[in-house]
Amino acid sequence: MDVKQIASRLGLEENDIYDVLELFIQTVPSDLMKMTAAFNNQDTVQVGEAAHSLKGSTGTLGFMDISKYAQLIMKQSREKRIEELTQTVPPFLNQMKDLFLEIEEVLKSRQF
């Protein structure tokens, strides 16, 4: 993860991006829990709402592959394509888990 690139893209100082990453780590789990519960209940409306929120937060930070994946989930949710959601939601959640781990490592290695 290139912290300098993320900071530049957002127009922030490199030190400030760590605060943004910490905020991401603090706020996104609620959307992930919402998506997981909705997916388990086959509630396509709630899956779509969680995907919309996650699309925005990942896209803002420049994690475009994940953001586009969330956008696909939003589309499938709107169209109530449950079978397709069973193919996209679990891998998406795994990607988000991997992203969290990567961000946590970046935050741990932060030099003050």
Protein backbone atom coordinates (compact mmCIF):
# COMPACT_ATOMS: atom_id res chain seq x y z
CA MET A 1 0.00 0.00 0.00
CA ASP A 2 1.49 3.30 -1.10
CA VAL A 3 0.59 5.78 1.63
CA LYS A 4 2.26 8.66 -0.22
CA GLN A 5 0.16 7.99 -3.31
CA ILE A 6 -3.07 7.82 -1.31
CA ALA A 7 -2.20 11.06 0.47
CA SER A 8 -1.38 12.77 -2.82
CA ARG A 9 -4.62 11.61 -4.42
CA LEU A 10 -6.62 12.97 -1.49
CA GLY A 11 -4.64 16.19 -1.28
CA LEU A 12 -3.41 15.39 2.22
CA GLU A 13 -0.05 15.34 3.91
CA GLU A 14 1.38 11.87 4.32
CA ASN A 15 1.00 12.03 8.11
CA ASP A 16 -2.68 12.91 7.78
CA ILE A 17 -3.48 9.82 5.72
CA TYR A 18 -2.84 7.65 8.78
CA ASP A 19 -5.75 9.37 10.52
CA VAL A 20 -7.94 8.68 7.50
CA LEU A 21 -6.89 5.01 7.49
CA GLU A 22 -7.63 4.77 11.21
CA LEU A 23 -11.07 6.25 10.63
CA PHE A 24 -11.65 3.74 7.84
CA ILE A 25 -10.73 0.87 10.19
CA GLN A 26 -13.09 2.23 12.85
CA THR A 27 -16.13 2.90 10.70
CA VAL A 28 -16.23 0.26 7.97
CA PRO A 29 -16.80 -2.82 10.19
CA SER A 30 -20.41 -1.79 10.80
CA ASP A 31 -21.07 -1.87 7.04
CA LEU A 32 -19.36 -5.24 6.76
CA MET A 33 -21.48 -6.65 9.58
CA LYS A 34 -24.60 -5.20 7.95
CA MET A 35 -23.68 -6.79 4.63
CA THR A 36 -22.93 -10.15 6.22
CA ALA A 37 -26.19 -10.25 8.17
CA ALA A 38 -28.22 -9.09 5.17
CA PHE A 39 -26.52 -11.61 2.90
CA ASN A 40 -27.27 -14.41 5.37
CA ASN A 41 -30.92 -13.30 5.44
CA GLN A 42 -31.04 -12.82 1.65
CA ASP A 43 -32.05 -9.20 2.20
CA THR A 44 -30.94 -7.68 -1.09
CA VAL A 45 -31.95 -4.15 -0.08
CA GLN A 46 -29.66 -4.14 2.96
CA VAL A 47 -26.84 -5.85 1.02
CA GLY A 48 -27.10 -3.08 -1.55
CA GLU A 49 -27.08 -0.33 1.05
CA ALA A 50 -23.98 -1.74 2.72
CA ALA A 51 -22.31 -2.18 -0.67
CA HIS A 52 -23.08 1.44 -1.54
CA SER A 53 -21.42 2.69 1.61
CA LEU A 54 -18.40 0.43 1.11
CA LYS A 55 -18.09 1.47 -2.52
CA GLY A 56 -17.77 5.06 -1.43
CA SER A 57 -15.29 4.54 1.36
CA THR A 58 -13.01 2.25 -0.63
CA GLY A 59 -13.25 4.42 -3.73
CA THR A 60 -12.36 7.57 -1.81
CA LEU A 61 -9.13 5.95 -0.67
CA GLY A 62 -8.38 4.76 -4.18
CA PHE A 63 -9.00 1.05 -3.67
CA MET A 64 -10.74 0.96 -7.03
CA ASP A 65 -10.82 -2.82 -7.57
CA ILE A 66 -12.69 -3.30 -4.32
CA SER A 67 -14.89 -0.29 -4.99
CA LYS A 68 -15.87 -1.68 -8.40
CA TYR A 69 -16.62 -5.03 -6.77
CA ALA A 70 -18.95 -3.25 -4.33
CA GLN A 71 -20.61 -1.54 -7.28
CA LEU A 72 -21.25 -4.93 -8.88
CA ILE A 73 -22.83 -6.12 -5.64
CA MET A 74 -25.03 -3.01 -5.61
CA LYS A 75 -26.24 -3.82 -9.13
CA GLN A 76 -26.92 -7.45 -8.29
CA SER A 77 -28.79 -6.37 -5.16
CA ARG A 78 -30.99 -3.91 -7.05
CA GLU A 79 -31.84 -6.65 -9.54
CA LYS A 80 -32.40 -9.15 -6.70
CA ARG A 81 -30.00 -11.64 -8.28
CA ILE A 82 -29.47 -13.73 -5.17
CA GLU A 83 -27.69 -16.55 -6.99
CA GLU A 84 -25.09 -14.12 -8.32
CA LEU A 85 -24.73 -12.49 -4.91
CA THR A 86 -23.76 -15.88 -3.50
CA GLN A 87 -20.83 -15.79 -5.93
CA THR A 88 -19.76 -12.20 -5.28
CA VAL A 89 -20.42 -11.31 -1.64
CA PRO A 90 -18.17 -13.92 0.07
CA PRO A 91 -15.09 -13.10 -2.05
CA PHE A 92 -15.77 -9.39 -1.56
CA LEU A 93 -15.87 -9.85 2.21
CA ASN A 94 -12.57 -11.75 2.01
CA GLN A 95 -11.01 -8.91 0.01
CA MET A 96 -12.20 -6.44 2.62
CA LYS A 97 -10.67 -8.61 5.36
CA ASP A 98 -7.36 -8.65 3.48
CA LEU A 99 -7.53 -4.88 3.02
CA PHE A 100 -8.13 -4.43 6.76
CA LEU A 101 -5.10 -6.57 7.55
CA GLU A 102 -2.98 -4.56 5.14
CA ILE A 103 -4.14 -1.25 6.61
CA GLU A 104 -3.52 -2.51 10.14
CA GLU A 105 0.05 -3.41 9.14
CA VAL A 106 0.57 0.04 7.63
CA LEU A 107 -0.73 1.66 10.81
CA LYS A 108 1.50 -0.53 13.01
CA SER A 109 4.57 0.33 10.96
CA ARG A 110 3.83 4.06 11.03
CA GLN A 111 6.88 6.07 11.96
CA PHE A 112 6.28 9.13 14.09
